[in-house]
Amino acid sequence: MAEVNDIIALMRDVLRLKRTVRSGWPYYGVRDAESVAEHSFGVAFLTIILVDELKARGVELDTEKAIRMAVLHEIGESRISDLHLEARIWLGFEHVSKAEAAAVEAVLSQIGDNGKALMELWREFEDGQSVEAVVVRAADKIEMMLQGLEYEAEGYRELDPIFSAPQNLKYFDKIPFLREIVDEIIKRHRANNS
């Protein structure tokens, strides 16, 4: 059981995400880009919608597990910041993953056993094998692409890597409804840029 001071220390880390900018957007020229916390809220909300829609289509999912994963998915960035795709390529995905796992563990270990349970859930998300992890990983990319469409509506261009990088498209073939969503988003992106 965590002490009050442990929870306060944890939340000081978590609240840092409100002022941590999603670095990919400025990299592609977007000014006043969203924060990691804003992105995480979008992913969590979208996860709720996707889980309900998938359940209605007969997919078995644990709603609470998926939502918890969505809320947790960027928690490590409170320590290592957000790294855009190009930075991850240069640094090496394996090195970034290792650093992020260490950061997540450092943040969550502040609250003892509850933190250990949350760490296991974060690891499951990172492994991307369970149906909940697939849905949340897809929600992460769908939310990013939808934000990209919003930035395009504001006049920003040169955002094609957000919509076309293989790393952003790898969780959509496992569940057809998710593929349908991302295909529509990409279609709209192409229309914006033709």
N, C-alpha and C. Protein backbone atom coordinates (compact mmCIF):
# COMPACT_ATOMS: atom_id res chain seq x y z
N MET A 1 0.84 -1.18 0.00
CA MET A 1 0.00 0.00 0.00
C MET A 1 0.90 1.25 0.00
N ALA A 2 0.57 2.19 -0.89
CA ALA A 2 1.37 3.41 -1.02
C ALA A 2 1.02 4.41 0.08
N GLU A 3 2.02 5.16 0.49
CA GLU A 3 1.83 6.25 1.44
C GLU A 3 1.43 7.52 0.67
N VAL A 4 0.87 8.47 1.38
CA VAL A 4 0.45 9.73 0.77
C VAL A 4 1.60 10.39 0.02
N ASN A 5 2.77 10.46 0.64
CA ASN A 5 3.93 11.10 0.00
C ASN A 5 4.35 10.37 -1.27
N ASP A 6 4.16 9.05 -1.31
CA ASP A 6 4.49 8.27 -2.51
C ASP A 6 3.56 8.64 -3.66
N ILE A 7 2.29 8.78 -3.35
CA ILE A 7 1.31 9.14 -4.38
C ILE A 7 1.58 10.55 -4.90
N ILE A 8 1.93 11.46 -3.99
CA ILE A 8 2.26 12.83 -4.41
C ILE A 8 3.50 12.82 -5.30
N ALA A 9 4.51 12.05 -4.95
CA ALA A 9 5.73 11.96 -5.77
C ALA A 9 5.41 11.38 -7.15
N LEU A 10 4.61 10.35 -7.18
CA LEU A 10 4.19 9.75 -8.47
C LEU A 10 3.49 10.80 -9.33
N MET A 11 2.56 11.51 -8.74
CA MET A 11 1.79 12.48 -9.51
C MET A 11 2.63 13.66 -9.98
N ARG A 12 3.67 13.99 -9.26
CA ARG A 12 4.58 15.04 -9.75
C ARG A 12 5.22 14.61 -11.06
N ASP A 13 5.56 13.32 -11.16
CA ASP A 13 6.07 12.79 -12.43
C ASP A 13 4.99 12.83 -13.51
N VAL A 14 3.83 12.30 -13.18
CA VAL A 14 2.74 12.21 -14.15
C VAL A 14 2.34 13.58 -14.67
N LEU A 15 2.23 14.56 -13.78
CA LEU A 15 1.81 15.90 -14.19
C LEU A 15 2.80 16.57 -15.12
N ARG A 16 4.04 16.11 -15.11
CA ARG A 16 5.05 16.64 -16.04
C ARG A 16 4.61 16.42 -17.50
N LEU A 17 3.78 15.40 -17.73
CA LEU A 17 3.32 15.11 -19.09
C LEU A 17 2.46 16.23 -19.67
N LYS A 18 1.88 17.06 -18.79
CA LYS A 18 1.07 18.19 -19.26
C LYS A 18 1.92 19.24 -19.96
N ARG A 19 3.20 19.31 -19.61
CA ARG A 19 4.07 20.31 -20.23
C ARG A 19 5.14 19.68 -21.12
N THR A 20 5.00 18.39 -21.39
CA THR A 20 5.91 17.70 -22.30
C THR A 20 5.28 17.68 -23.68
N VAL A 21 5.88 18.38 -24.61
CA VAL A 21 5.34 18.50 -25.97
C VAL A 21 5.59 17.21 -26.75
N ARG A 22 4.61 16.81 -27.55
CA ARG A 22 4.79 15.69 -28.47
C ARG A 22 5.79 16.16 -29.54
N SER A 23 6.97 15.61 -29.52
CA SER A 23 8.09 16.17 -30.29
C SER A 23 7.99 15.97 -31.79
N GLY A 24 7.22 15.03 -32.25
CA GLY A 24 7.10 14.81 -33.69
C GLY A 24 6.47 15.98 -34.42
N TRP A 25 5.50 16.62 -33.77
CA TRP A 25 4.83 17.73 -34.44
C TRP A 25 5.77 18.90 -34.70
N PRO A 26 6.52 19.40 -33.72
CA PRO A 26 7.47 20.47 -34.03
C PRO A 26 8.54 20.03 -35.04
N TYR A 27 8.92 18.76 -34.99
CA TYR A 27 9.90 18.24 -35.95
C TYR A 27 9.41 18.44 -37.38
N TYR A 28 8.09 18.31 -37.57
CA TYR A 28 7.50 18.49 -38.91
C TYR A 28 6.94 19.90 -39.11
N GLY A 29 7.29 20.83 -38.22
CA GLY A 29 6.97 22.23 -38.43
C GLY A 29 5.73 22.75 -37.73
N VAL A 30 5.06 21.93 -36.95
CA VAL A 30 3.84 22.37 -36.25
C VAL A 30 4.24 23.21 -35.03
N ARG A 31 3.67 24.41 -34.95
CA ARG A 31 3.87 25.26 -33.78
C ARG A 31 2.74 25.02 -32.79
N ASP A 32 3.00 25.22 -31.53
CA ASP A 32 1.99 25.03 -30.47
C ASP A 32 1.39 23.64 -30.50
N ALA A 33 2.27 22.65 -30.58
CA ALA A 33 1.84 21.26 -30.65
C ALA A 33 1.26 20.79 -29.32
N GLU A 34 0.48 19.74 -29.40
CA GLU A 34 -0.16 19.15 -28.22
C GLU A 34 0.88 18.59 -27.25
N SER A 35 0.46 18.43 -26.01
CA SER A 35 1.31 17.81 -24.99
C SER A 35 1.09 16.31 -24.99
N VAL A 36 1.98 15.59 -24.32
CA VAL A 36 1.82 14.15 -24.16
C VAL A 36 0.54 13.85 -23.40
N ALA A 37 0.21 14.66 -22.40
CA ALA A 37 -1.02 14.45 -21.62
C ALA A 37 -2.25 14.61 -22.50
N GLU A 38 -2.24 15.61 -23.39
CA GLU A 38 -3.38 15.79 -24.30
C GLU A 38 -3.53 14.58 -25.22
N HIS A 39 -2.42 14.12 -25.74
CA HIS A 39 -2.44 12.92 -26.58
C HIS A 39 -2.96 11.72 -25.79
N SER A 40 -2.47 11.54 -24.58
CA SER A 40 -2.88 10.39 -23.77
C SER A 40 -4.38 10.42 -23.47
N PHE A 41 -4.92 11.61 -23.22
CA PHE A 41 -6.36 11.71 -23.03
C PHE A 41 -7.09 11.26 -24.29
N GLY A 42 -6.64 11.72 -25.44
CA GLY A 42 -7.27 11.33 -26.70
C GLY A 42 -7.22 9.82 -26.91
N VAL A 43 -6.09 9.20 -26.59
CA VAL A 43 -5.95 7.75 -26.73
C VAL A 43 -6.89 7.03 -25.77
N ALA A 44 -6.96 7.50 -24.53
CA ALA A 44 -7.85 6.86 -23.55
C ALA A 44 -9.31 6.97 -23.98
N PHE A 45 -9.71 8.15 -24.42
CA PHE A 45 -11.10 8.33 -24.86
C PHE A 45 -11.40 7.46 -26.08
N LEU A 46 -10.50 7.49 -27.05
CA LEU A 46 -10.68 6.67 -28.25
C LEU A 46 -10.72 5.18 -27.90
N THR A 47 -9.93 4.76 -26.94
CA THR A 47 -9.94 3.37 -26.50
C THR A 47 -11.32 2.97 -25.99
N ILE A 48 -11.95 3.84 -25.22
CA ILE A 48 -13.31 3.56 -24.74
C ILE A 48 -14.24 3.31 -25.92
N ILE A 49 -14.19 4.19 -26.91
CA ILE A 49 -15.06 4.08 -28.08
C ILE A 49 -14.75 2.81 -28.86
N LEU A 50 -13.46 2.56 -29.12
CA LEU A 50 -13.09 1.37 -29.90
C LEU A 50 -13.47 0.08 -29.19
N VAL A 51 -13.24 0.01 -27.89
CA VAL A 51 -13.59 -1.21 -27.15
C VAL A 51 -15.09 -1.47 -27.26
N ASP A 52 -15.91 -0.44 -27.06
CA ASP A 52 -17.36 -0.62 -27.16
C ASP A 52 -17.76 -1.06 -28.57
N GLU A 53 -17.17 -0.44 -29.58
CA GLU A 53 -17.51 -0.80 -30.97
C GLU A 53 -17.05 -2.22 -31.31
N LEU A 54 -15.88 -2.59 -30.84
CA LEU A 54 -15.38 -3.94 -31.12
C LEU A 54 -16.19 -5.00 -30.38
N LYS A 55 -16.57 -4.70 -29.15
CA LYS A 55 -17.42 -5.63 -28.41
C LYS A 55 -18.75 -5.83 -29.14
N ALA A 56 -19.30 -4.74 -29.66
CA ALA A 56 -20.56 -4.83 -30.42
C ALA A 56 -20.39 -5.67 -31.68
N ARG A 57 -19.15 -5.78 -32.16
CA ARG A 57 -18.84 -6.58 -33.35
C ARG A 57 -18.38 -8.00 -32.98
N GLY A 58 -18.48 -8.35 -31.70
CA GLY A 58 -18.18 -9.71 -31.27
C GLY A 58 -16.76 -9.97 -30.80
N VAL A 59 -15.93 -8.93 -30.68
CA VAL A 59 -14.56 -9.11 -30.20
C VAL A 59 -14.59 -9.12 -28.67
N GLU A 60 -13.96 -10.11 -28.07
CA GLU A 60 -13.91 -10.19 -26.60
C GLU A 60 -12.73 -9.36 -26.09
N LEU A 61 -13.06 -8.41 -25.21
CA LEU A 61 -12.06 -7.49 -24.66
C LEU A 61 -12.36 -7.21 -23.21
N ASP A 62 -11.30 -6.94 -22.44
CA ASP A 62 -11.44 -6.49 -21.06
C ASP A 62 -11.36 -4.96 -21.08
N THR A 63 -12.50 -4.32 -20.90
CA THR A 63 -12.60 -2.86 -21.01
C THR A 63 -11.66 -2.15 -20.04
N GLU A 64 -11.70 -2.52 -18.78
CA GLU A 64 -10.87 -1.83 -17.78
C GLU A 64 -9.39 -1.98 -18.11
N LYS A 65 -9.00 -3.18 -18.50
CA LYS A 65 -7.60 -3.43 -18.84
C LYS A 65 -7.15 -2.52 -19.99
N ALA A 66 -7.98 -2.42 -21.02
CA ALA A 66 -7.64 -1.59 -22.18
C ALA A 66 -7.52 -0.12 -21.78
N ILE A 67 -8.47 0.37 -21.00
CA ILE A 67 -8.43 1.78 -20.59
C ILE A 67 -7.21 2.05 -19.71
N ARG A 68 -6.91 1.14 -18.80
CA ARG A 68 -5.71 1.31 -17.97
C ARG A 68 -4.45 1.36 -18.83
N MET A 69 -4.37 0.48 -19.82
CA MET A 69 -3.22 0.50 -20.73
C MET A 69 -3.11 1.84 -21.44
N ALA A 70 -4.25 2.34 -21.90
CA ALA A 70 -4.25 3.61 -22.64
C ALA A 70 -3.76 4.75 -21.75
N VAL A 71 -4.19 4.77 -20.52
CA VAL A 71 -3.76 5.84 -19.60
C VAL A 71 -2.27 5.72 -19.30
N LEU A 72 -1.79 4.49 -19.19
CA LEU A 72 -0.38 4.24 -18.83
C LEU A 72 0.61 4.37 -19.98
N HIS A 73 0.15 4.29 -21.21
CA HIS A 73 1.05 4.00 -22.33
C HIS A 73 2.21 4.98 -22.51
N GLU A 74 2.08 6.22 -22.10
CA GLU A 74 3.16 7.21 -22.29
C GLU A 74 3.83 7.62 -20.98
N ILE A 75 3.57 6.90 -19.91
CA ILE A 75 4.01 7.31 -18.58
C ILE A 75 5.54 7.48 -18.48
N GLY A 76 6.28 6.68 -19.22
CA GLY A 76 7.74 6.78 -19.19
C GLY A 76 8.26 8.10 -19.72
N GLU A 77 7.46 8.76 -20.56
CA GLU A 77 7.89 10.03 -21.14
C GLU A 77 7.95 11.14 -20.10
N SER A 78 7.41 10.87 -18.91
CA SER A 78 7.56 11.86 -17.83
C SER A 78 9.00 11.94 -17.38
N ARG A 79 9.79 10.92 -17.67
CA ARG A 79 11.21 10.92 -17.31
C ARG A 79 12.13 11.10 -18.51
N ILE A 80 11.79 10.49 -19.66
CA ILE A 80 12.71 10.55 -20.81
C ILE A 80 12.24 11.50 -21.90
N SER A 81 11.09 12.11 -21.73
CA SER A 81 10.47 13.00 -22.70
C SER A 81 9.94 12.21 -23.89
N ASP A 82 9.34 12.92 -24.83
CA ASP A 82 8.79 12.30 -26.03
C ASP A 82 9.86 12.32 -27.12
N LEU A 83 10.07 11.19 -27.74
CA LEU A 83 11.04 11.10 -28.83
C LEU A 83 10.31 10.81 -30.13
N HIS A 84 10.48 11.67 -31.11
CA HIS A 84 9.81 11.45 -32.39
C HIS A 84 10.47 10.29 -33.14
N LEU A 85 9.81 9.83 -34.18
CA LEU A 85 10.24 8.63 -34.90
C LEU A 85 11.67 8.73 -35.41
N GLU A 86 12.03 9.86 -35.97
CA GLU A 86 13.39 10.02 -36.51
C GLU A 86 14.44 9.87 -35.40
N ALA A 87 14.16 10.43 -34.23
CA ALA A 87 15.08 10.29 -33.09
C ALA A 87 15.18 8.83 -32.67
N ARG A 88 14.04 8.13 -32.65
CA ARG A 88 14.04 6.71 -32.27
C ARG A 88 14.87 5.88 -33.26
N ILE A 89 14.78 6.23 -34.53
CA ILE A 89 15.57 5.52 -35.55
C ILE A 89 17.06 5.74 -35.29
N TRP A 90 17.45 7.00 -35.06
CA TRP A 90 18.86 7.32 -34.85
C TRP A 90 19.40 6.74 -33.55
N LEU A 91 18.60 6.77 -32.51
CA LEU A 91 19.05 6.24 -31.22
C LEU A 91 18.99 4.72 -31.16
N GLY A 92 18.13 4.16 -31.97
CA GLY A 92 17.94 2.70 -31.98
C GLY A 92 16.71 2.34 -31.15
N PHE A 93 15.77 1.67 -31.77
CA PHE A 93 14.52 1.33 -31.09
C PHE A 93 14.77 0.53 -29.81
N GLU A 94 15.74 -0.36 -29.86
CA GLU A 94 16.02 -1.20 -28.69
C GLU A 94 16.51 -0.35 -27.51
N HIS A 95 17.38 0.61 -27.78
CA HIS A 95 17.89 1.48 -26.71
C HIS A 95 16.77 2.34 -26.12
N VAL A 96 15.93 2.87 -27.00
CA VAL A 96 14.82 3.71 -26.54
C VAL A 96 13.85 2.87 -25.69
N SER A 97 13.54 1.66 -26.16
CA SER A 97 12.62 0.78 -25.41
C SER A 97 13.17 0.46 -24.03
N LYS A 98 14.47 0.20 -23.98
CA LYS A 98 15.11 -0.12 -22.70
C LYS A 98 15.05 1.08 -21.74
N ALA A 99 15.34 2.27 -22.27
CA ALA A 99 15.29 3.48 -21.44
C ALA A 99 13.87 3.77 -20.98
N GLU A 100 12.91 3.59 -21.89
CA GLU A 100 11.51 3.85 -21.52
C GLU A 100 11.04 2.88 -20.45
N ALA A 101 11.40 1.61 -20.57
CA ALA A 101 11.01 0.62 -19.55
C ALA A 101 11.60 0.99 -18.19
N ALA A 102 12.86 1.42 -18.19
CA ALA A 102 13.49 1.83 -16.92
C ALA A 102 12.78 3.05 -16.34
N ALA A 103 12.39 3.98 -17.20
CA ALA A 103 11.69 5.17 -16.73
C ALA A 103 10.32 4.82 -16.16
N VAL A 104 9.59 3.95 -16.85
CA VAL A 104 8.27 3.53 -16.36
C VAL A 104 8.42 2.85 -15.00
N GLU A 105 9.41 1.98 -14.90
CA GLU A 105 9.62 1.29 -13.63
C GLU A 105 9.97 2.28 -12.51
N ALA A 106 10.80 3.27 -12.81
CA ALA A 106 11.18 4.26 -11.80
C ALA A 106 9.96 5.06 -11.34
N VAL A 107 9.11 5.43 -12.28
CA VAL A 107 7.92 6.21 -11.92
C VAL A 107 6.96 5.36 -11.10
N LEU A 108 6.64 4.16 -11.59
CA LEU A 108 5.62 3.34 -10.94
C LEU A 108 6.09 2.68 -9.65
N SER A 109 7.40 2.48 -9.51
CA SER A 109 7.91 1.83 -8.30
C SER A 109 7.67 2.69 -7.05
N GLN A 110 7.37 3.96 -7.28
CA GLN A 110 7.11 4.87 -6.15
C GLN A 110 5.88 4.46 -5.34
N ILE A 111 5.00 3.64 -5.92
CA ILE A 111 3.78 3.26 -5.22
C ILE A 111 3.72 1.76 -4.93
N GLY A 112 4.88 1.12 -4.81
CA GLY A 112 4.96 -0.25 -4.33
C GLY A 112 4.27 -1.29 -5.18
N ASP A 113 3.52 -2.18 -4.54
CA ASP A 113 2.90 -3.31 -5.23
C ASP A 113 1.92 -2.89 -6.32
N ASN A 114 1.18 -1.83 -6.07
CA ASN A 114 0.26 -1.33 -7.10
C ASN A 114 1.06 -0.91 -8.34
N GLY A 115 2.21 -0.29 -8.11
CA GLY A 115 3.07 0.09 -9.21
C GLY A 115 3.60 -1.11 -9.98
N LYS A 116 3.89 -2.21 -9.26
CA LYS A 116 4.35 -3.44 -9.94
C LYS A 116 3.26 -3.99 -10.85
N ALA A 117 2.03 -3.98 -10.38
CA ALA A 117 0.91 -4.47 -11.19
C ALA A 117 0.72 -3.59 -12.43
N LEU A 118 0.85 -2.27 -12.25
CA LEU A 118 0.73 -1.37 -13.40
C LEU A 118 1.89 -1.55 -14.37
N MET A 119 3.08 -1.84 -13.84
CA MET A 119 4.24 -2.09 -14.69
C MET A 119 4.00 -3.32 -15.57
N GLU A 120 3.43 -4.36 -15.01
CA GLU A 120 3.11 -5.56 -15.79
C GLU A 120 2.13 -5.23 -16.91
N LEU A 121 1.16 -4.41 -16.61
CA LEU A 121 0.18 -4.00 -17.62
C LEU A 121 0.86 -3.18 -18.72
N TRP A 122 1.77 -2.29 -18.33
CA TRP A 122 2.51 -1.50 -19.33
C TRP A 122 3.35 -2.43 -20.21
N ARG A 123 3.98 -3.43 -19.59
CA ARG A 123 4.77 -4.39 -20.38
C ARG A 123 3.90 -5.14 -21.38
N GLU A 124 2.71 -5.51 -20.95
CA GLU A 124 1.77 -6.19 -21.85
C GLU A 124 1.42 -5.29 -23.03
N PHE A 125 1.21 -4.01 -22.77
CA PHE A 125 0.97 -3.04 -23.84
C PHE A 125 2.17 -3.01 -24.79
N GLU A 126 3.36 -2.91 -24.24
CA GLU A 126 4.56 -2.85 -25.06
C GLU A 126 4.75 -4.10 -25.91
N ASP A 127 4.43 -5.27 -25.35
CA ASP A 127 4.55 -6.53 -26.11
C ASP A 127 3.58 -6.56 -27.29
N GLY A 128 2.44 -5.90 -27.15
CA GLY A 128 1.50 -5.78 -28.26
C GLY A 128 0.86 -7.08 -28.71
N GLN A 129 0.75 -8.06 -27.83
CA GLN A 129 0.22 -9.36 -28.23
C GLN A 129 -1.24 -9.58 -27.84
N SER A 130 -1.65 -9.12 -26.67
CA SER A 130 -3.04 -9.34 -26.24
C SER A 130 -3.96 -8.47 -27.10
N VAL A 131 -5.21 -8.85 -27.18
CA VAL A 131 -6.16 -8.07 -27.98
C VAL A 131 -6.29 -6.65 -27.42
N GLU A 132 -6.24 -6.49 -26.10
CA GLU A 132 -6.31 -5.15 -25.51
C GLU A 132 -5.10 -4.32 -25.93
N ALA A 133 -3.92 -4.92 -25.92
CA ALA A 133 -2.71 -4.20 -26.33
C ALA A 133 -2.78 -3.79 -27.80
N VAL A 134 -3.29 -4.68 -28.64
CA VAL A 134 -3.43 -4.36 -30.06
C VAL A 134 -4.37 -3.17 -30.24
N VAL A 135 -5.49 -3.19 -29.53
CA VAL A 135 -6.47 -2.10 -29.65
C VAL A 135 -5.87 -0.78 -29.16
N VAL A 136 -5.17 -0.79 -28.04
CA VAL A 136 -4.60 0.45 -27.51
C VAL A 136 -3.45 0.94 -28.38
N ARG A 137 -2.64 0.03 -28.90
CA ARG A 137 -1.57 0.45 -29.80
C ARG A 137 -2.16 1.07 -31.06
N ALA A 138 -3.23 0.47 -31.57
CA ALA A 138 -3.91 1.05 -32.74
C ALA A 138 -4.51 2.41 -32.38
N ALA A 139 -5.14 2.51 -31.21
CA ALA A 139 -5.72 3.78 -30.77
C ALA A 139 -4.65 4.87 -30.68
N ASP A 140 -3.47 4.51 -30.22
CA ASP A 140 -2.35 5.44 -30.12
C ASP A 140 -2.03 6.03 -31.49
N LYS A 141 -1.98 5.19 -32.51
CA LYS A 141 -1.65 5.66 -33.86
C LYS A 141 -2.84 6.35 -34.52
N ILE A 142 -4.05 5.85 -34.30
CA ILE A 142 -5.24 6.49 -34.86
C ILE A 142 -5.37 7.91 -34.31
N GLU A 143 -5.21 8.06 -33.00
CA GLU A 143 -5.32 9.39 -32.38
C GLU A 143 -4.27 10.32 -32.97
N MET A 144 -3.05 9.82 -33.15
CA MET A 144 -1.98 10.64 -33.73
C MET A 144 -2.34 11.07 -35.15
N MET A 145 -2.85 10.15 -35.94
CA MET A 145 -3.22 10.49 -37.32
C MET A 145 -4.40 11.46 -37.36
N LEU A 146 -5.36 11.28 -36.47
CA LEU A 146 -6.47 12.24 -36.40
C LEU A 146 -5.97 13.62 -36.01
N GLN A 147 -5.01 13.68 -35.09
CA GLN A 147 -4.40 14.97 -34.74
C GLN A 147 -3.69 15.55 -35.95
N GLY A 148 -3.05 14.69 -36.74
CA GLY A 148 -2.41 15.13 -37.97
C GLY A 148 -3.41 15.76 -38.93
N LEU A 149 -4.60 15.16 -39.05
CA LEU A 149 -5.65 15.75 -39.90
C LEU A 149 -6.06 17.12 -39.36
N GLU A 150 -6.12 17.25 -38.03
CA GLU A 150 -6.45 18.54 -37.43
C GLU A 150 -5.39 19.59 -37.79
N TYR A 151 -4.12 19.20 -37.71
CA TYR A 151 -3.05 20.14 -38.05
C TYR A 151 -3.09 20.47 -39.54
N GLU A 152 -3.42 19.50 -40.38
CA GLU A 152 -3.56 19.79 -41.81
C GLU A 152 -4.69 20.78 -42.05
N ALA A 153 -5.78 20.66 -41.30
CA ALA A 153 -6.90 21.60 -41.43
C ALA A 153 -6.48 23.01 -41.04
N GLU A 154 -5.46 23.12 -40.19
CA GLU A 154 -4.92 24.43 -39.80
C GLU A 154 -3.91 24.95 -40.82
N GLY A 155 -3.61 24.15 -41.84
CA GLY A 155 -2.72 24.59 -42.90
C GLY A 155 -1.34 23.96 -42.91
N TYR A 156 -1.06 23.12 -41.94
CA TYR A 156 0.25 22.46 -41.91
C TYR A 156 0.31 21.37 -42.98
N ARG A 157 1.48 21.25 -43.60
CA ARG A 157 1.71 20.21 -44.60
C ARG A 157 3.00 19.49 -44.22
N GLU A 158 3.47 18.64 -45.07
CA GLU A 158 4.71 17.90 -44.82
C GLU A 158 4.56 16.93 -43.64
N LEU A 159 3.35 16.45 -43.41
CA LEU A 159 3.10 15.52 -42.30
C LEU A 159 2.99 14.07 -42.78
N ASP A 160 3.32 13.81 -44.03
CA ASP A 160 3.11 12.48 -44.60
C ASP A 160 3.72 11.34 -43.78
N PRO A 161 4.92 11.50 -43.20
CA PRO A 161 5.48 10.37 -42.42
C PRO A 161 4.57 9.90 -41.28
N ILE A 162 3.77 10.79 -40.74
CA ILE A 162 2.85 10.41 -39.67
C ILE A 162 1.86 9.36 -40.19
N PHE A 163 1.48 9.48 -41.45
CA PHE A 163 0.47 8.62 -42.05
C PHE A 163 1.06 7.43 -42.80
N SER A 164 2.36 7.45 -43.06
CA SER A 164 2.92 6.41 -43.93
C SER A 164 4.05 5.58 -43.32
N ALA A 165 4.62 6.01 -42.22
CA ALA A 165 5.74 5.26 -41.63
C ALA A 165 5.28 3.86 -41.23
N PRO A 166 6.02 2.83 -41.63
CA PRO A 166 5.62 1.45 -41.30
C PRO A 166 5.39 1.22 -39.81
N GLN A 167 6.17 1.91 -38.96
CA GLN A 167 6.02 1.76 -37.51
C GLN A 167 4.65 2.25 -37.04
N ASN A 168 4.03 3.15 -37.80
CA ASN A 168 2.73 3.68 -37.43
C ASN A 168 1.57 2.86 -37.97
N LEU A 169 1.87 1.84 -38.77
CA LEU A 169 0.81 1.09 -39.44
C LEU A 169 0.76 -0.38 -39.08
N LYS A 170 1.55 -0.82 -38.12
CA LYS A 170 1.70 -2.26 -37.92
C LYS A 170 0.65 -2.95 -37.08
N TYR A 171 -0.27 -2.26 -36.45
CA TYR A 171 -1.27 -2.94 -35.61
C TYR A 171 -2.66 -2.96 -36.22
N PHE A 172 -2.76 -2.68 -37.50
CA PHE A 172 -4.08 -2.55 -38.10
C PHE A 172 -4.57 -3.77 -38.85
N ASP A 173 -3.71 -4.74 -39.09
CA ASP A 173 -4.13 -5.91 -39.85
C ASP A 173 -4.74 -7.00 -39.00
N LYS A 174 -4.65 -6.88 -37.69
CA LYS A 174 -5.16 -7.93 -36.81
C LYS A 174 -6.66 -7.84 -36.58
N ILE A 175 -7.22 -6.63 -36.68
CA ILE A 175 -8.65 -6.43 -36.45
C ILE A 175 -9.18 -5.56 -37.61
N PRO A 176 -10.00 -6.14 -38.49
CA PRO A 176 -10.45 -5.43 -39.71
C PRO A 176 -11.08 -4.06 -39.47
N PHE A 177 -11.85 -3.90 -38.39
CA PHE A 177 -12.48 -2.60 -38.12
C PHE A 177 -11.43 -1.52 -37.90
N LEU A 178 -10.33 -1.86 -37.26
CA LEU A 178 -9.25 -0.89 -37.05
C LEU A 178 -8.60 -0.52 -38.38
N ARG A 179 -8.45 -1.48 -39.27
CA ARG A 179 -7.91 -1.21 -40.62
C ARG A 179 -8.84 -0.27 -41.37
N GLU A 180 -10.14 -0.49 -41.23
CA GLU A 180 -11.13 0.36 -41.90
C GLU A 180 -10.99 1.82 -41.45
N ILE A 181 -10.79 2.02 -40.16
CA ILE A 181 -10.63 3.37 -39.62
C ILE A 181 -9.38 4.03 -40.17
N VAL A 182 -8.25 3.34 -40.09
CA VAL A 182 -7.00 3.96 -40.53
C VAL A 182 -7.01 4.19 -42.04
N ASP A 183 -7.64 3.31 -42.81
CA ASP A 183 -7.72 3.52 -44.26
C ASP A 183 -8.50 4.80 -44.58
N GLU A 184 -9.57 5.05 -43.84
CA GLU A 184 -10.36 6.27 -44.05
C GLU A 184 -9.54 7.51 -43.68
N ILE A 185 -8.79 7.43 -42.59
CA ILE A 185 -7.95 8.56 -42.18
C ILE A 185 -6.89 8.86 -43.25
N ILE A 186 -6.25 7.82 -43.76
CA ILE A 186 -5.23 8.00 -44.80
C ILE A 186 -5.84 8.57 -46.07
N LYS A 187 -7.03 8.12 -46.40
CA LYS A 187 -7.74 8.66 -47.57
C LYS A 187 -7.97 10.17 -47.40
N ARG A 188 -8.38 10.58 -46.22
CA ARG A 188 -8.60 12.01 -45.95
C ARG A 188 -7.29 12.79 -45.99
N HIS A 189 -6.22 12.19 -45.49
CA HIS A 189 -4.90 12.83 -45.54
C HIS A 189 -4.49 13.06 -47.00
N ARG A 190 -4.67 12.05 -47.82
CA ARG A 190 -4.30 12.18 -49.24
C ARG A 190 -5.13 13.26 -49.93
N ALA A 191 -6.42 13.33 -49.59
CA ALA A 191 -7.27 14.37 -50.16
C ALA A 191 -6.81 15.76 -49.73
N ASN A 192 -6.35 15.89 -48.51
CA ASN A 192 -5.84 17.18 -48.01
C ASN A 192 -4.60 17.63 -48.76
N ASN A 193 -3.85 16.68 -49.30
CA ASN A 193 -2.55 16.98 -49.89
C ASN A 193 -2.51 16.78 -51.40
N SER A 194 -3.67 16.69 -52.03
CA SER A 194 -3.67 16.52 -53.49
C SER A 194 -3.98 17.81 -54.21
